[in-house]
């Protein structure tokens, strides 16, 4: 499967985000729901999935994980999990045939970097082009190489001076 150009996936992912965000706000009125990942960055290529960052008060993080699991979300295996971060996969009725993942983040934690990275790329189209080049260069090398290359790029962007919330 090739990486998709923005025009080939972003309109559908924006519509899915809008529906999902409304449902999440109803389920979690205390949460801040943010569109993150490539589909939230104008012009970015992607495998065509949707990432949503759900930010909750730290003292509610574990309770919200339980609530989302009760609503059919599944904790994503083989991902980092801390008291401030939990990755979840949406149930089929939410995802509507797409890959939809939630990054449940405790407010004020370092995991709000999802937003910092998104915002840096939204501000600088040259970063989008560089990120796309990294993804294209490593796409055919397997999932591990692809993720590692993306992680190195993300870390380099977040390490730049001035990219603070």
N, C-alpha and C. Protein backbone atom coordinates (compact mmCIF):
# COMPACT_ATOMS: atom_id res chain seq x y z
N UNK A 1 0.84 -1.18 0.00
CA UNK A 1 0.00 0.00 0.00
C UNK A 1 0.89 1.25 0.00
N UNK A 2 0.66 2.16 -0.92
CA UNK A 2 1.49 3.38 -0.98
C UNK A 2 1.04 4.41 0.06
N UNK A 3 1.92 5.34 0.34
CA UNK A 3 1.52 6.49 1.14
C UNK A 3 0.55 7.32 0.30
N UNK A 4 -0.41 7.91 0.93
CA UNK A 4 -1.44 8.67 0.23
C UNK A 4 -1.11 10.16 0.25
N UNK A 5 -1.40 10.82 -0.85
CA UNK A 5 -1.29 12.28 -0.91
C UNK A 5 -2.42 12.87 -0.07
N UNK A 6 -2.21 14.07 0.43
CA UNK A 6 -3.18 14.71 1.32
C UNK A 6 -4.59 14.74 0.71
N UNK A 7 -4.69 15.08 -0.55
CA UNK A 7 -6.01 15.19 -1.18
C UNK A 7 -6.75 13.86 -1.23
N UNK A 8 -6.00 12.76 -1.16
CA UNK A 8 -6.61 11.43 -1.25
C UNK A 8 -7.15 10.90 0.07
N UNK A 9 -6.82 11.56 1.18
CA UNK A 9 -7.31 11.04 2.46
C UNK A 9 -7.76 12.11 3.45
N UNK A 10 -7.21 13.32 3.37
CA UNK A 10 -7.49 14.31 4.40
C UNK A 10 -8.96 14.74 4.50
N UNK A 11 -9.68 14.93 3.41
CA UNK A 11 -11.10 15.30 3.58
C UNK A 11 -11.90 14.24 4.35
N UNK A 12 -11.68 12.98 4.05
CA UNK A 12 -12.39 11.91 4.77
C UNK A 12 -11.98 11.86 6.23
N UNK A 13 -10.69 12.05 6.50
CA UNK A 13 -10.23 12.01 7.89
C UNK A 13 -10.72 13.23 8.68
N UNK A 14 -10.83 14.37 8.02
CA UNK A 14 -11.37 15.55 8.72
C UNK A 14 -12.83 15.32 9.09
N UNK A 15 -13.60 14.74 8.18
CA UNK A 15 -15.01 14.45 8.48
C UNK A 15 -15.12 13.42 9.61
N UNK A 16 -14.26 12.40 9.58
CA UNK A 16 -14.27 11.40 10.65
C UNK A 16 -13.84 12.02 11.97
N UNK A 17 -12.84 12.91 11.93
CA UNK A 17 -12.44 13.60 13.15
C UNK A 17 -13.61 14.41 13.71
N UNK A 18 -14.28 15.17 12.86
CA UNK A 18 -15.37 16.02 13.33
C UNK A 18 -16.45 15.19 14.03
N UNK A 19 -16.84 14.07 13.44
CA UNK A 19 -17.84 13.18 14.06
C UNK A 19 -17.32 12.59 15.36
N UNK A 20 -16.07 12.13 15.34
CA UNK A 20 -15.49 11.50 16.52
C UNK A 20 -15.30 12.50 17.65
N UNK A 21 -14.84 13.70 17.32
CA UNK A 21 -14.62 14.72 18.34
C UNK A 21 -15.93 15.08 19.03
N UNK A 22 -17.00 15.20 18.26
CA UNK A 22 -18.30 15.52 18.86
C UNK A 22 -18.74 14.41 19.81
N UNK A 23 -18.57 13.16 19.40
CA UNK A 23 -18.95 12.02 20.25
C UNK A 23 -18.06 11.95 21.49
N UNK A 24 -16.76 12.20 21.32
CA UNK A 24 -15.85 12.17 22.46
C UNK A 24 -16.16 13.29 23.46
N UNK A 25 -16.50 14.47 22.96
CA UNK A 25 -16.84 15.57 23.86
C UNK A 25 -18.11 15.26 24.66
N UNK A 26 -19.04 14.54 24.04
CA UNK A 26 -20.25 14.13 24.77
C UNK A 26 -19.90 13.12 25.84
N UNK A 27 -19.05 12.16 25.49
CA UNK A 27 -18.64 11.11 26.43
C UNK A 27 -17.72 11.65 27.52
N UNK A 28 -16.85 12.60 27.15
CA UNK A 28 -15.82 13.14 28.05
C UNK A 28 -15.88 14.67 28.06
N UNK A 29 -16.89 15.24 28.70
CA UNK A 29 -17.03 16.70 28.64
C UNK A 29 -15.86 17.47 29.26
N UNK A 30 -15.07 16.81 30.10
CA UNK A 30 -13.92 17.49 30.73
C UNK A 30 -12.68 17.47 29.84
N UNK A 31 -12.75 16.79 28.72
CA UNK A 31 -11.57 16.57 27.88
C UNK A 31 -11.40 17.66 26.83
N UNK A 32 -10.16 17.82 26.43
CA UNK A 32 -9.81 18.63 25.26
C UNK A 32 -9.50 17.64 24.15
N UNK A 33 -10.18 17.75 23.04
CA UNK A 33 -10.04 16.81 21.93
C UNK A 33 -9.37 17.53 20.76
N UNK A 34 -8.23 16.99 20.34
CA UNK A 34 -7.42 17.63 19.30
C UNK A 34 -7.11 16.65 18.16
N UNK A 35 -7.20 17.15 16.94
CA UNK A 35 -6.82 16.39 15.75
C UNK A 35 -5.30 16.49 15.64
N UNK A 36 -4.61 15.35 15.65
CA UNK A 36 -3.16 15.31 15.53
C UNK A 36 -2.78 14.32 14.44
N UNK A 37 -1.50 14.14 14.24
CA UNK A 37 -1.04 13.22 13.21
C UNK A 37 -1.06 13.86 11.84
N UNK A 38 -0.65 13.11 10.84
CA UNK A 38 -0.50 13.64 9.49
C UNK A 38 -1.80 14.20 8.93
N UNK A 39 -2.93 13.59 9.27
CA UNK A 39 -4.19 14.07 8.70
C UNK A 39 -4.57 15.46 9.21
N UNK A 40 -3.92 15.93 10.27
CA UNK A 40 -4.20 17.26 10.81
C UNK A 40 -3.26 18.32 10.24
N UNK A 41 -2.33 17.91 9.40
CA UNK A 41 -1.31 18.82 8.87
C UNK A 41 -1.53 19.01 7.38
N UNK A 42 -1.94 20.20 6.97
CA UNK A 42 -2.22 20.42 5.55
C UNK A 42 -1.06 19.98 4.65
N UNK A 43 -1.40 19.18 3.65
CA UNK A 43 -0.43 18.75 2.66
C UNK A 43 0.41 17.53 3.01
N UNK A 44 0.25 16.98 4.21
CA UNK A 44 1.09 15.85 4.62
C UNK A 44 0.62 14.54 4.00
N UNK A 45 1.57 13.73 3.57
CA UNK A 45 1.23 12.39 3.10
C UNK A 45 1.03 11.48 4.31
N UNK A 46 0.35 10.37 4.09
CA UNK A 46 0.02 9.49 5.22
C UNK A 46 -0.41 8.13 4.70
N UNK A 47 -0.46 7.19 5.62
CA UNK A 47 -1.06 5.90 5.30
C UNK A 47 -2.58 5.98 5.38
N UNK A 48 -3.11 7.15 5.72
CA UNK A 48 -4.55 7.38 5.67
C UNK A 48 -5.29 7.08 6.96
N UNK A 49 -4.62 7.20 8.08
CA UNK A 49 -5.27 6.93 9.36
C UNK A 49 -5.60 8.23 10.08
N UNK A 50 -6.29 8.11 11.20
CA UNK A 50 -6.68 9.27 11.99
C UNK A 50 -6.16 9.11 13.40
N UNK A 51 -5.49 10.14 13.90
CA UNK A 51 -5.01 10.19 15.28
C UNK A 51 -5.71 11.34 15.98
N UNK A 52 -6.22 11.04 17.16
CA UNK A 52 -6.89 12.03 17.99
C UNK A 52 -6.21 12.05 19.34
N UNK A 53 -5.84 13.24 19.79
CA UNK A 53 -5.27 13.42 21.12
C UNK A 53 -6.39 13.88 22.05
N UNK A 54 -6.59 13.14 23.12
CA UNK A 54 -7.60 13.47 24.11
C UNK A 54 -6.86 13.80 25.40
N UNK A 55 -6.97 15.06 25.81
CA UNK A 55 -6.24 15.54 26.99
C UNK A 55 -7.22 15.66 28.15
N UNK A 56 -6.87 15.02 29.26
CA UNK A 56 -7.74 15.00 30.43
C UNK A 56 -6.95 15.41 31.67
N UNK A 57 -7.65 15.85 32.72
CA UNK A 57 -6.94 16.15 33.96
C UNK A 57 -6.18 14.91 34.44
N UNK A 58 -4.96 15.09 34.96
CA UNK A 58 -4.14 13.93 35.35
C UNK A 58 -4.83 12.98 36.32
N UNK A 59 -5.59 13.53 37.24
CA UNK A 59 -6.24 12.67 38.24
C UNK A 59 -7.38 11.85 37.64
N UNK A 60 -7.77 12.14 36.41
CA UNK A 60 -8.86 11.40 35.76
C UNK A 60 -8.36 10.42 34.70
N UNK A 61 -7.06 10.41 34.44
CA UNK A 61 -6.52 9.62 33.33
C UNK A 61 -6.93 8.15 33.42
N UNK A 62 -6.67 7.48 34.53
CA UNK A 62 -6.99 6.05 34.67
C UNK A 62 -8.49 5.81 34.54
N UNK A 63 -9.28 6.68 35.11
CA UNK A 63 -10.74 6.55 35.03
C UNK A 63 -11.22 6.66 33.59
N UNK A 64 -10.63 7.57 32.82
CA UNK A 64 -11.01 7.76 31.43
C UNK A 64 -10.58 6.55 30.58
N UNK A 65 -9.41 5.98 30.87
CA UNK A 65 -9.02 4.74 30.18
C UNK A 65 -10.10 3.69 30.37
N UNK A 66 -10.53 3.50 31.61
CA UNK A 66 -11.57 2.50 31.90
C UNK A 66 -12.88 2.83 31.19
N UNK A 67 -13.25 4.09 31.17
CA UNK A 67 -14.49 4.52 30.51
C UNK A 67 -14.43 4.24 29.01
N UNK A 68 -13.30 4.57 28.38
CA UNK A 68 -13.15 4.33 26.95
C UNK A 68 -13.13 2.83 26.63
N UNK A 69 -12.47 2.05 27.47
CA UNK A 69 -12.48 0.59 27.25
C UNK A 69 -13.90 0.05 27.38
N UNK A 70 -14.66 0.60 28.31
CA UNK A 70 -16.06 0.21 28.45
C UNK A 70 -16.91 0.60 27.25
N UNK A 71 -16.46 1.62 26.51
CA UNK A 71 -17.17 2.07 25.31
C UNK A 71 -16.69 1.34 24.05
N UNK A 72 -15.81 0.35 24.22
CA UNK A 72 -15.37 -0.46 23.09
C UNK A 72 -13.98 -0.17 22.56
N UNK A 73 -13.31 0.84 23.10
CA UNK A 73 -11.93 1.10 22.68
C UNK A 73 -11.04 0.02 23.28
N UNK A 74 -9.94 -0.28 22.60
CA UNK A 74 -8.99 -1.28 23.07
C UNK A 74 -7.62 -0.62 23.26
N UNK A 75 -6.97 -0.98 24.35
CA UNK A 75 -5.62 -0.47 24.58
C UNK A 75 -4.70 -1.05 23.51
N UNK A 76 -3.97 -0.18 22.85
CA UNK A 76 -3.07 -0.60 21.77
C UNK A 76 -1.86 -1.28 22.39
N UNK A 77 -1.63 -2.50 22.00
CA UNK A 77 -0.52 -3.29 22.52
C UNK A 77 0.80 -2.80 21.92
N UNK A 78 1.88 -3.09 22.61
CA UNK A 78 3.22 -2.76 22.14
C UNK A 78 3.45 -1.27 21.91
N UNK A 79 2.80 -0.45 22.74
CA UNK A 79 3.05 0.99 22.71
C UNK A 79 3.38 1.44 24.12
N UNK A 80 4.00 2.59 24.22
CA UNK A 80 4.33 3.15 25.52
C UNK A 80 3.05 3.38 26.31
N UNK A 81 3.06 2.96 27.57
CA UNK A 81 1.91 3.22 28.45
C UNK A 81 2.45 3.68 29.78
N UNK A 82 1.97 4.84 30.22
CA UNK A 82 2.37 5.42 31.50
C UNK A 82 1.10 5.94 32.18
N UNK A 83 1.21 6.42 33.42
CA UNK A 83 0.05 7.04 34.05
C UNK A 83 -0.41 8.32 33.34
N UNK A 84 0.39 8.81 32.39
CA UNK A 84 0.04 10.03 31.66
C UNK A 84 -0.24 9.79 30.18
N UNK A 85 -0.10 8.55 29.70
CA UNK A 85 -0.30 8.25 28.28
C UNK A 85 -0.85 6.85 28.10
N UNK A 86 -1.89 6.75 27.30
CA UNK A 86 -2.42 5.45 26.91
C UNK A 86 -2.91 5.57 25.47
N UNK A 87 -2.44 4.67 24.62
CA UNK A 87 -2.87 4.63 23.23
C UNK A 87 -4.02 3.63 23.13
N UNK A 88 -5.09 4.05 22.46
CA UNK A 88 -6.26 3.20 22.31
C UNK A 88 -6.69 3.15 20.85
N UNK A 89 -7.23 2.01 20.46
CA UNK A 89 -7.77 1.84 19.12
C UNK A 89 -9.29 1.92 19.20
N UNK A 90 -9.88 2.64 18.25
CA UNK A 90 -11.33 2.84 18.25
C UNK A 90 -12.05 1.57 17.80
N UNK A 91 -13.25 1.37 18.34
CA UNK A 91 -14.06 0.24 17.89
C UNK A 91 -14.56 0.49 16.46
N UNK A 92 -14.94 -0.57 15.76
CA UNK A 92 -15.35 -0.43 14.36
C UNK A 92 -16.45 0.61 14.11
N UNK A 93 -17.41 0.72 15.03
CA UNK A 93 -18.49 1.69 14.79
C UNK A 93 -18.00 3.14 14.85
N UNK A 94 -16.94 3.40 15.59
CA UNK A 94 -16.34 4.73 15.61
C UNK A 94 -15.46 4.93 14.38
N UNK A 95 -14.67 3.91 14.08
CA UNK A 95 -13.64 4.04 13.04
C UNK A 95 -14.19 4.04 11.63
N UNK A 96 -15.37 3.47 11.43
CA UNK A 96 -16.03 3.45 10.13
C UNK A 96 -15.12 2.97 9.00
N UNK A 97 -14.43 1.86 9.25
CA UNK A 97 -13.59 1.25 8.24
C UNK A 97 -12.19 1.84 8.12
N UNK A 98 -11.84 2.75 8.99
CA UNK A 98 -10.52 3.39 8.98
C UNK A 98 -9.75 2.99 10.23
N UNK A 99 -8.45 3.27 10.22
CA UNK A 99 -7.64 3.14 11.43
C UNK A 99 -7.80 4.43 12.22
N UNK A 100 -8.33 4.33 13.43
CA UNK A 100 -8.55 5.49 14.27
C UNK A 100 -7.95 5.19 15.64
N UNK A 101 -6.98 6.00 16.04
CA UNK A 101 -6.31 5.79 17.32
C UNK A 101 -6.46 7.04 18.18
N UNK A 102 -6.61 6.81 19.48
CA UNK A 102 -6.63 7.90 20.46
C UNK A 102 -5.32 7.88 21.23
N UNK A 103 -4.77 9.05 21.45
CA UNK A 103 -3.67 9.20 22.38
C UNK A 103 -4.27 9.91 23.59
N UNK A 104 -4.54 9.15 24.64
CA UNK A 104 -5.10 9.71 25.85
C UNK A 104 -3.96 10.24 26.70
N UNK A 105 -3.96 11.55 26.94
CA UNK A 105 -2.83 12.25 27.54
C UNK A 105 -3.28 13.00 28.78
N UNK A 106 -2.48 12.92 29.83
CA UNK A 106 -2.73 13.72 31.03
C UNK A 106 -2.30 15.15 30.77
N UNK A 107 -3.19 16.08 31.07
CA UNK A 107 -2.90 17.50 30.89
C UNK A 107 -1.64 17.88 31.66
N UNK A 108 -0.79 18.68 31.00
CA UNK A 108 0.43 19.15 31.62
C UNK A 108 1.60 18.18 31.53
N UNK A 109 1.38 17.02 30.94
CA UNK A 109 2.45 16.03 30.81
C UNK A 109 3.28 16.31 29.56
N UNK A 110 4.47 15.71 29.48
CA UNK A 110 5.30 15.87 28.29
C UNK A 110 4.64 15.30 27.03
N UNK A 111 3.60 14.50 27.18
CA UNK A 111 2.97 13.89 26.02
C UNK A 111 2.09 14.86 25.25
N UNK A 112 1.97 16.08 25.74
CA UNK A 112 1.31 17.10 24.93
C UNK A 112 2.19 17.49 23.74
N UNK A 113 3.36 16.85 23.62
CA UNK A 113 4.23 17.06 22.46
C UNK A 113 3.54 16.72 21.15
N UNK A 114 2.50 15.88 21.19
CA UNK A 114 1.73 15.62 19.97
C UNK A 114 1.26 16.94 19.36
N UNK A 115 0.84 17.86 20.22
CA UNK A 115 0.35 19.16 19.77
C UNK A 115 1.49 20.06 19.32
N UNK A 116 2.59 20.04 20.06
CA UNK A 116 3.75 20.86 19.68
C UNK A 116 4.25 20.48 18.29
N UNK A 117 4.34 19.18 18.03
CA UNK A 117 4.83 18.72 16.73
C UNK A 117 3.85 19.14 15.62
N UNK A 118 2.57 18.89 15.85
CA UNK A 118 1.55 19.28 14.86
C UNK A 118 1.65 20.77 14.55
N UNK A 119 1.72 21.57 15.60
CA UNK A 119 1.73 23.02 15.41
C UNK A 119 2.98 23.50 14.69
N UNK A 120 4.12 22.89 14.97
CA UNK A 120 5.35 23.26 14.27
C UNK A 120 5.22 22.99 12.77
N UNK A 121 4.67 21.85 12.40
CA UNK A 121 4.51 21.54 10.99
C UNK A 121 3.44 22.41 10.33
N UNK A 122 2.41 22.75 11.06
CA UNK A 122 1.39 23.65 10.50
C UNK A 122 1.98 25.03 10.22
N UNK A 123 2.93 25.46 11.03
CA UNK A 123 3.56 26.78 10.85
C UNK A 123 4.57 26.79 9.71
N UNK A 124 5.20 25.64 9.45
CA UNK A 124 6.33 25.62 8.51
C UNK A 124 6.14 24.55 7.43
N UNK A 125 5.63 24.93 6.28
CA UNK A 125 5.45 23.97 5.19
C UNK A 125 6.73 23.22 4.81
N UNK A 126 7.90 23.84 4.99
CA UNK A 126 9.16 23.16 4.68
C UNK A 126 9.35 21.94 5.58
N UNK A 127 8.87 22.02 6.82
CA UNK A 127 8.95 20.86 7.71
C UNK A 127 8.03 19.74 7.22
N UNK A 128 6.88 20.09 6.68
CA UNK A 128 5.97 19.08 6.14
C UNK A 128 6.65 18.34 4.99
N UNK A 129 7.28 19.10 4.10
CA UNK A 129 7.99 18.47 2.97
C UNK A 129 9.11 17.56 3.46
N UNK A 130 9.84 17.99 4.48
CA UNK A 130 10.93 17.17 5.03
C UNK A 130 10.38 15.91 5.70
N UNK A 131 9.29 16.05 6.43
CA UNK A 131 8.66 14.90 7.09
C UNK A 131 8.16 13.91 6.05
N UNK A 132 7.51 14.42 5.02
CA UNK A 132 7.04 13.55 3.94
C UNK A 132 8.21 12.82 3.28
N UNK A 133 9.32 13.50 3.08
CA UNK A 133 10.50 12.87 2.47
C UNK A 133 11.03 11.74 3.35
N UNK A 134 11.05 11.96 4.66
CA UNK A 134 11.48 10.90 5.59
C UNK A 134 10.54 9.70 5.49
N UNK A 135 9.26 9.96 5.48
CA UNK A 135 8.29 8.86 5.41
C UNK A 135 8.44 8.08 4.10
N UNK A 136 8.54 8.80 2.99
CA UNK A 136 8.68 8.12 1.69
C UNK A 136 9.97 7.31 1.61
N UNK A 137 11.04 7.83 2.16
CA UNK A 137 12.34 7.16 2.10
C UNK A 137 12.36 5.86 2.91
N UNK A 138 11.52 5.76 3.92
CA UNK A 138 11.55 4.59 4.81
C UNK A 138 10.31 3.71 4.72
N UNK A 139 9.35 4.10 3.92
CA UNK A 139 8.09 3.37 3.82
C UNK A 139 8.28 1.91 3.44
N UNK A 140 9.14 1.65 2.48
CA UNK A 140 9.33 0.29 1.97
C UNK A 140 10.30 -0.54 2.82
N UNK A 141 10.87 0.04 3.87
CA UNK A 141 11.86 -0.66 4.69
C UNK A 141 11.25 -1.42 5.86
N UNK A 142 9.94 -1.45 5.94
CA UNK A 142 9.28 -2.16 7.03
C UNK A 142 8.83 -1.20 8.13
N UNK A 143 7.86 -1.66 8.90
CA UNK A 143 7.24 -0.83 9.94
C UNK A 143 8.23 -0.31 10.97
N UNK A 144 9.15 -1.17 11.41
CA UNK A 144 10.10 -0.74 12.45
C UNK A 144 11.01 0.39 11.94
N UNK A 145 11.55 0.23 10.74
CA UNK A 145 12.42 1.27 10.19
C UNK A 145 11.64 2.55 9.93
N UNK A 146 10.42 2.41 9.44
CA UNK A 146 9.55 3.56 9.17
C UNK A 146 9.28 4.33 10.46
N UNK A 147 8.88 3.63 11.51
CA UNK A 147 8.58 4.29 12.79
C UNK A 147 9.83 4.92 13.41
N UNK A 148 10.96 4.23 13.31
CA UNK A 148 12.20 4.77 13.88
C UNK A 148 12.62 6.05 13.17
N UNK A 149 12.52 6.07 11.85
CA UNK A 149 12.88 7.27 11.09
C UNK A 149 11.94 8.43 11.43
N UNK A 150 10.65 8.14 11.53
CA UNK A 150 9.70 9.18 11.92
C UNK A 150 10.01 9.70 13.32
N UNK A 151 10.31 8.80 14.24
CA UNK A 151 10.61 9.20 15.62
C UNK A 151 11.82 10.13 15.67
N UNK A 152 12.85 9.80 14.91
CA UNK A 152 14.05 10.66 14.88
C UNK A 152 13.69 12.05 14.35
N UNK A 153 12.87 12.10 13.32
CA UNK A 153 12.48 13.40 12.76
C UNK A 153 11.66 14.19 13.79
N UNK A 154 10.69 13.54 14.40
CA UNK A 154 9.84 14.20 15.40
C UNK A 154 10.69 14.74 16.54
N UNK A 155 11.62 13.93 17.03
CA UNK A 155 12.50 14.38 18.12
C UNK A 155 13.32 15.59 17.70
N UNK A 156 13.79 15.61 16.46
CA UNK A 156 14.58 16.75 15.99
C UNK A 156 13.74 18.03 15.93
N UNK A 157 12.50 17.91 15.54
CA UNK A 157 11.62 19.08 15.50
C UNK A 157 11.33 19.57 16.91
N UNK A 158 11.02 18.65 17.82
CA UNK A 158 10.70 19.04 19.18
C UNK A 158 11.89 19.59 19.95
N UNK A 159 13.10 19.26 19.51
CA UNK A 159 14.30 19.75 20.18
C UNK A 159 14.69 21.17 19.75
N UNK A 160 14.03 21.66 18.71
CA UNK A 160 14.37 23.00 18.22
C UNK A 160 13.98 24.07 19.24
N UNK A 161 14.82 25.07 19.42
CA UNK A 161 14.45 26.17 20.33
C UNK A 161 13.23 26.91 19.78
N UNK A 162 12.37 27.30 20.69
CA UNK A 162 11.22 28.10 20.28
C UNK A 162 9.98 27.31 19.97
N UNK A 163 10.04 25.98 19.94
CA UNK A 163 8.84 25.19 19.66
C UNK A 163 8.21 24.74 20.97
N UNK A 164 7.84 25.70 21.77
CA UNK A 164 7.18 25.42 23.05
C UNK A 164 5.71 25.74 22.94
N UNK A 165 4.92 25.14 23.83
CA UNK A 165 3.48 25.45 23.86
C UNK A 165 3.27 26.86 24.34
